[in-house]
C-alpha atoms as a PDB file:
ATOM      1  CA  MET A   1     -31.575 -76.782 -27.233  1.00  0.00           C
ATOM      2  CA  PRO A   2     -31.865 -73.799 -24.834  1.00  0.00           C
ATOM      3  CA  LEU A   3     -34.905 -71.528 -24.792  1.00  0.00           C
ATOM      4  CA  VAL A   4     -34.624 -68.198 -26.616  1.00  0.00           C
ATOM      5  CA  ASP A   5     -36.023 -65.364 -24.516  1.00  0.00           C
ATOM      6  CA  LEU A   6     -38.323 -63.174 -26.591  1.00  0.00           C
ATOM      7  CA  ASP A   7     -39.726 -60.595 -24.168  1.00  0.00           C
ATOM      8  CA  GLU A   8     -41.590 -60.003 -20.930  1.00  0.00           C
ATOM      9  CA  TYR A   9     -44.399 -57.460 -21.092  1.00  0.00           C
ATOM     10  CA  LEU A  10     -47.416 -56.092 -19.234  1.00  0.00           C
ATOM     11  CA  VAL A  11     -50.646 -57.854 -20.139  1.00  0.00           C
ATOM     12  CA  THR A  12     -52.691 -54.686 -19.618  1.00  0.00           C
ATOM     13  CA  ASP A  13     -51.739 -51.743 -21.789  1.00  0.00           C
ATOM     14  CA  PRO A  14     -50.829 -48.780 -19.500  1.00  0.00           C
ATOM     15  CA  THR A  15     -53.223 -46.395 -21.266  1.00  0.00           C
ATOM     16  CA  THR A  16     -56.078 -48.873 -20.982  1.00  0.00           C
ATOM     17  CA  TRP A  17     -55.252 -49.417 -17.312  1.00  0.00           C
ATOM     18  CA  ARG A  18     -55.343 -45.669 -16.589  1.00  0.00           C
ATOM     19  CA  LEU A  19     -58.723 -45.331 -18.284  1.00  0.00           C
ATOM     20  CA  SER A  20     -60.025 -48.324 -16.318  1.00  0.00           C
ATOM     21  CA  ALA A  21     -58.779 -46.756 -13.083  1.00  0.00           C
ATOM     22  CA  ILE A  22     -60.620 -43.505 -13.851  1.00  0.00           C
ATOM     23  CA  GLY A  23     -63.811 -45.405 -14.687  1.00  0.00           C
ATOM     24  CA  SER A  24     -63.498 -47.516 -11.546  1.00  0.00           C
ATOM     25  CA  ALA A  25     -62.977 -44.426  -9.391  1.00  0.00           C
ATOM     26  CA  THR A  26     -66.166 -42.947 -10.837  1.00  0.00           C
ATOM     27  CA  ALA A  27     -68.049 -46.156 -10.040  1.00  0.00           C
ATOM     28  CA  VAL A  28     -66.742 -46.163  -6.461  1.00  0.00           C
ATOM     29  CA  VAL A  29     -67.877 -42.562  -5.988  1.00  0.00           C
ATOM     30  CA  LYS A  30     -71.345 -43.535  -7.239  1.00  0.00           C
ATOM     31  CA  ILE A  31     -71.450 -46.530  -4.868  1.00  0.00           C
ATOM     32  CA  TRP A  32     -70.546 -44.357  -1.875  1.00  0.00           C
ATOM     33  CA  ASP A  33     -73.096 -41.776  -3.016  1.00  0.00           C
ATOM     34  CA  SER A  34     -75.726 -44.548  -2.940  1.00  0.00           C
ATOM     35  CA  THR A  35     -75.157 -45.027   0.799  1.00  0.00           C
ATOM     36  CA  ARG A  36     -77.257 -41.874   1.305  1.00  0.00           C
ATOM     37  CA  LEU A  37     -80.132 -43.722  -0.366  1.00  0.00           C
ATOM     38  CA  GLY A  38     -79.909 -46.783   1.851  1.00  0.00           C
ATOM     39  CA  LEU A  39     -77.043 -48.880   0.495  1.00  0.00           C
ATOM     40  CA  SER A  40     -75.122 -50.575   3.274  1.00  0.00           C
ATOM     41  CA  PRO A  41     -71.764 -48.907   4.035  1.00  0.00           C
ATOM     42  CA  LYS A  42     -70.280 -52.394   4.494  1.00  0.00           C
ATOM     43  CA  LEU A  43     -71.306 -53.314   0.958  1.00  0.00           C
ATOM     44  CA  ALA A  44     -69.846 -50.056  -0.357  1.00  0.00           C
ATOM     45  CA  PHE A  45     -66.582 -50.736   1.507  1.00  0.00           C
ATOM     46  CA  ALA A  46     -66.420 -54.313   0.149  1.00  0.00           C
ATOM     47  CA  SER A  47     -67.051 -53.036  -3.394  1.00  0.00           C
ATOM     48  CA  THR A  48     -64.289 -50.457  -2.993  1.00  0.00           C
ATOM     49  CA  LEU A  49     -61.822 -53.105  -1.827  1.00  0.00           C
ATOM     50  CA  LEU A  50     -62.770 -55.362  -4.751  1.00  0.00           C
ATOM     51  CA  VAL A  51     -62.201 -52.550  -7.264  1.00  0.00           C
ATOM     52  CA  ILE A  52     -58.819 -51.693  -5.736  1.00  0.00           C
ATOM     53  CA  PHE A  53     -57.753 -55.353  -5.715  1.00  0.00           C
ATOM     54  CA  CYS A  54     -58.739 -55.814  -9.378  1.00  0.00           C
ATOM     55  CA  LEU A  55     -56.839 -52.682 -10.446  1.00  0.00           C
ATOM     56  CA  ILE A  56     -53.715 -53.771  -8.551  1.00  0.00           C
ATOM     57  CA  ALA A  57     -53.918 -57.285 -10.013  1.00  0.00           C
ATOM     58  CA  ALA A  58     -54.389 -55.942 -13.549  1.00  0.00           C
ATOM     59  CA  ARG A  59     -51.328 -53.738 -13.148  1.00  0.00           C
ATOM     60  CA  GLY A  60     -49.191 -56.624 -11.886  1.00  0.00           C
ATOM     61  CA  LEU A  61     -50.004 -59.132 -14.638  1.00  0.00           C
ATOM     62  CA  ARG A  62     -47.070 -59.824 -16.938  1.00  0.00           C
ATOM     63  CA  ARG A  63     -46.487 -62.333 -19.724  1.00  0.00           C
ATOM     64  CA  LYS A  64     -43.126 -63.828 -20.652  1.00  0.00           C
ATOM     65  CA  SER A  65     -42.551 -65.492 -24.020  1.00  0.00           C
ATOM     66  CA  GLU A  66     -39.744 -67.941 -24.755  1.00  0.00           C
ATOM     67  CA  LEU A  67     -39.034 -69.782 -28.005  1.00  0.00           C
ATOM     68  CA  ASP A  68     -37.974 -73.435 -28.010  1.00  0.00           C
ATOM     69  CA  PRO A  69     -36.382 -73.828 -31.478  1.00  0.00           C
ATOM     70  CA  GLY A  70     -35.861 -77.589 -31.127  1.00  0.00           C
ATOM     71  CA  ALA A  71     -39.515 -78.399 -30.419  1.00  0.00           C
ATOM     72  CA  LYS A  72     -40.740 -75.411 -32.481  1.00  0.00           C
ATOM     73  CA  LYS A  73     -42.940 -74.151 -29.648  1.00  0.00           C
ATOM     74  CA  VAL A  74     -43.370 -70.848 -27.852  1.00  0.00           C
ATOM     75  CA  ARG A  75     -43.889 -71.002 -24.102  1.00  0.00           C
ATOM     76  CA  LYS A  76     -46.030 -68.154 -22.735  1.00  0.00           C
ATOM     77  CA  THR A  77     -45.887 -67.790 -18.967  1.00  0.00           C
ATOM     78  CA  THR A  78     -48.377 -65.562 -17.129  1.00  0.00           C
ATOM     79  CA  ILE A  79     -46.897 -63.966 -14.005  1.00  0.00           C
ATOM     80  CA  LEU A  80     -48.584 -61.986 -11.212  1.00  0.00           C
ATOM     81  CA  PHE A  81     -46.111 -60.000  -9.072  1.00  0.00           C
ATOM     82  CA  GLY A  82     -43.310 -62.488  -9.694  1.00  0.00           C
ATOM     83  CA  ARG A  83     -45.381 -65.648  -9.140  1.00  0.00           C
ATOM     84  CA  GLN A  84     -46.081 -67.960 -12.045  1.00  0.00           C
ATOM     85  CA  LEU A  85     -49.832 -68.386 -12.620  1.00  0.00           C
ATOM     86  CA  ALA A  86     -50.059 -70.320 -15.870  1.00  0.00           C
ATOM     87  CA  THR A  87     -47.948 -71.648 -18.705  1.00  0.00           C
ATOM     88  CA  LYS A  88     -49.228 -72.164 -22.229  1.00  0.00           C
ATOM     89  CA  GLU A  89     -47.315 -73.658 -25.137  1.00  0.00           C
ATOM     90  CA  VAL A  90     -48.073 -72.568 -28.687  1.00  0.00           C
ATOM     91  CA  ASP A  91     -47.035 -74.914 -31.492  1.00  0.00           C
ATOM     92  CA  VAL A  92     -45.309 -73.005 -34.301  1.00  0.00           C
ATOM     93  CA  SER A  93     -44.034 -75.982 -36.297  1.00  0.00           C
ATOM     94  CA  ASP A  94     -46.221 -75.067 -39.297  1.00  0.00           C
ATOM     95  CA  ALA A  95     -45.076 -71.423 -39.375  1.00  0.00           C
ATOM     96  CA  ALA A  96     -44.055 -70.046 -42.749  1.00  0.00           C
ATOM     97  CA  TRP A  97     -43.363 -66.384 -41.888  1.00  0.00           C
ATOM     98  CA  VAL A  98     -43.131 -63.917 -39.017  1.00  0.00           C
ATOM     99  CA  ARG A  99     -44.209 -60.267 -38.903  1.00  0.00           C
ATOM    100  CA  ALA A 100     -44.944 -57.374 -36.543  1.00  0.00           C
ATOM    101  CA  ARG A 101     -48.096 -55.267 -36.822  1.00  0.00           C
ATOM    102  CA  PRO A 102     -49.893 -52.612 -34.751  1.00  0.00           C
ATOM    103  CA  ILE A 103     -52.893 -53.460 -32.548  1.00  0.00           C
ATOM    104  CA  GLY A 104     -54.993 -51.665 -29.941  1.00  0.00           C
ATOM    105  CA  TYR A 105     -55.265 -48.162 -31.411  1.00  0.00           C
ATOM    106  CA  LYS A 106     -51.610 -48.548 -32.413  1.00  0.00           C
ATOM    107  CA  THR A 107     -50.407 -48.437 -28.786  1.00  0.00           C
ATOM    108  CA  GLN A 108     -48.949 -51.935 -29.049  1.00  0.00           C
ATOM    109  CA  LEU A 109     -47.274 -54.084 -31.678  1.00  0.00           C
ATOM    110  CA  VAL A 110     -47.829 -57.814 -31.929  1.00  0.00           C
ATOM    111  CA  VAL A 111     -45.176 -60.190 -33.247  1.00  0.00           C
ATOM    112  CA  GLU A 112     -46.909 -63.155 -34.836  1.00  0.00           C
ATOM    113  CA  VAL A 113     -46.146 -66.155 -37.006  1.00  0.00           C
ATOM    114  CA  GLY A 114     -48.358 -67.241 -39.864  1.00  0.00           C
ATOM    115  CA  THR A 115     -48.901 -70.321 -41.949  1.00  0.00           C
ATOM    116  CA  VAL A 116     -49.286 -70.710 -45.689  1.00  0.00           C
ATOM    117  CA  GLY A 117     -53.078 -70.664 -45.125  1.00  0.00           C
ATOM    118  CA  TYR A 118     -52.763 -67.265 -43.383  1.00  0.00           C
ATOM    119  CA  SER A 119     -53.754 -68.370 -39.902  1.00  0.00           C
ATOM    120  CA  THR A 120     -51.663 -66.458 -37.383  1.00  0.00           C
ATOM    121  CA  LYS A 121     -50.465 -67.125 -33.842  1.00  0.00           C
ATOM    122  CA  GLU A 122     -49.428 -64.332 -31.494  1.00  0.00           C
ATOM    123  CA  LEU A 123     -45.992 -64.725 -29.953  1.00  0.00           C
ATOM    124  CA  VAL A 124     -45.344 -61.506 -28.049  1.00  0.00           C
ATOM    125  CA  ARG A 125     -46.600 -57.932 -27.678  1.00  0.00           C
ATOM    126  CA  VAL A 126     -44.385 -54.854 -27.685  1.00  0.00           C
ATOM    127  CA  VAL A 127     -45.257 -51.336 -26.526  1.00  0.00           C
ATOM    128  CA  SER A 128     -45.346 -49.113 -29.599  1.00  0.00           C
ATOM    129  CA  ASP A 129     -42.862 -46.480 -28.450  1.00  0.00           C
ATOM    130  CA  LYS A 130     -42.116 -43.994 -31.224  1.00  0.00           C
ATOM    131  CA  ASN A 131     -38.362 -44.413 -30.838  1.00  0.00           C
ATOM    132  CA  GLN A 132     -37.895 -48.059 -29.837  1.00  0.00           C
ATOM    133  CA  GLY A 133     -41.088 -50.059 -30.477  1.00  0.00           C
ATOM    134  CA  ILE A 134     -40.802 -50.803 -34.189  1.00  0.00           C
ATOM    135  CA  PRO A 135     -37.031 -51.528 -34.218  1.00  0.00           C
ATOM    136  CA  PHE A 136     -37.418 -53.825 -31.192  1.00  0.00           C
ATOM    137  CA  ALA A 137     -40.336 -55.680 -32.840  1.00  0.00           C
ATOM    138  CA  GLU A 138     -38.314 -56.055 -36.050  1.00  0.00           C
ATOM    139  CA  MET A 139     -35.392 -57.417 -34.032  1.00  0.00           C
ATOM    140  CA  LEU A 140     -37.726 -59.987 -32.427  1.00  0.00           C
ATOM    141  CA  CYS A 141     -39.033 -60.944 -35.890  1.00  0.00           C
ATOM    142  CA  ALA A 142     -35.474 -61.459 -37.108  1.00  0.00           C
ATOM    143  CA  ARG A 143     -34.630 -63.568 -34.039  1.00  0.00           C
ATOM    144  CA  VAL A 144     -37.700 -65.790 -34.490  1.00  0.00           C
ATOM    145  CA  ALA A 145     -37.076 -66.133 -38.242  1.00  0.00           C
ATOM    146  CA  LEU A 146     -33.467 -67.105 -37.619  1.00  0.00           C
ATOM    147  CA  HIS A 147     -34.265 -69.796 -35.055  1.00  0.00           C
ATOM    148  CA  LEU A 148     -37.315 -71.240 -36.870  1.00  0.00           C
ATOM    149  CA  GLU A 149     -35.744 -70.855 -40.328  1.00  0.00           C
ATOM    150  CA  ILE A 150     -38.769 -69.065 -41.809  1.00  0.00           C
ATOM    151  CA  SER A 151     -39.150 -65.843 -43.814  1.00  0.00           C
ATOM    152  CA  ASP A 152     -39.161 -62.512 -42.014  1.00  0.00           C
ATOM    153  CA  LYS A 153     -41.756 -59.979 -43.194  1.00  0.00           C
ATOM    154  CA  GLY A 154     -40.662 -57.403 -40.601  1.00  0.00           C
ATOM    155  CA  TYR A 155     -43.009 -54.569 -39.643  1.00  0.00           C
ATOM    156  CA  LYS A 156     -46.263 -54.231 -41.576  1.00  0.00           C
ATOM    157  CA  PRO A 157     -48.251 -51.072 -40.689  1.00  0.00           C
ATOM    158  CA  ILE A 158     -51.551 -52.606 -41.857  1.00  0.00           C
ATOM    159  CA  ALA A 159     -52.354 -56.301 -41.412  1.00  0.00           C
END
């Protein structure tokens, strides 16, 4: 049976990334300010390059989720600038329902499956856009429920 594409999304939330960039810029300024007190300029330059590299890498990380209805597994692939880094398979054979709920100061929605014992497994994250986030997450819930033949709880504002 072919894989059902769920979504591809940024691992790092854009708001969180911007705040991290501001904090990192402040740290770099402090490091360069410390060169007046005797810190090696080479060490300050190396630290600056490391901060820039980490920010670029965090911005380029993406995750792609695909559902395999036959094996009842979700394949999560981590991608950095188009290159596959890792693949993880999540077994969803014991899933009883699927829902979407807000996470991260309500800037993202997570689509997850749950069992009868209320343990949940994250499938995909969706940016919580006021116009498109909730309907898109509900559409993903319906797609997962259809292929896994489980109940669809849709969007739940509070988990």
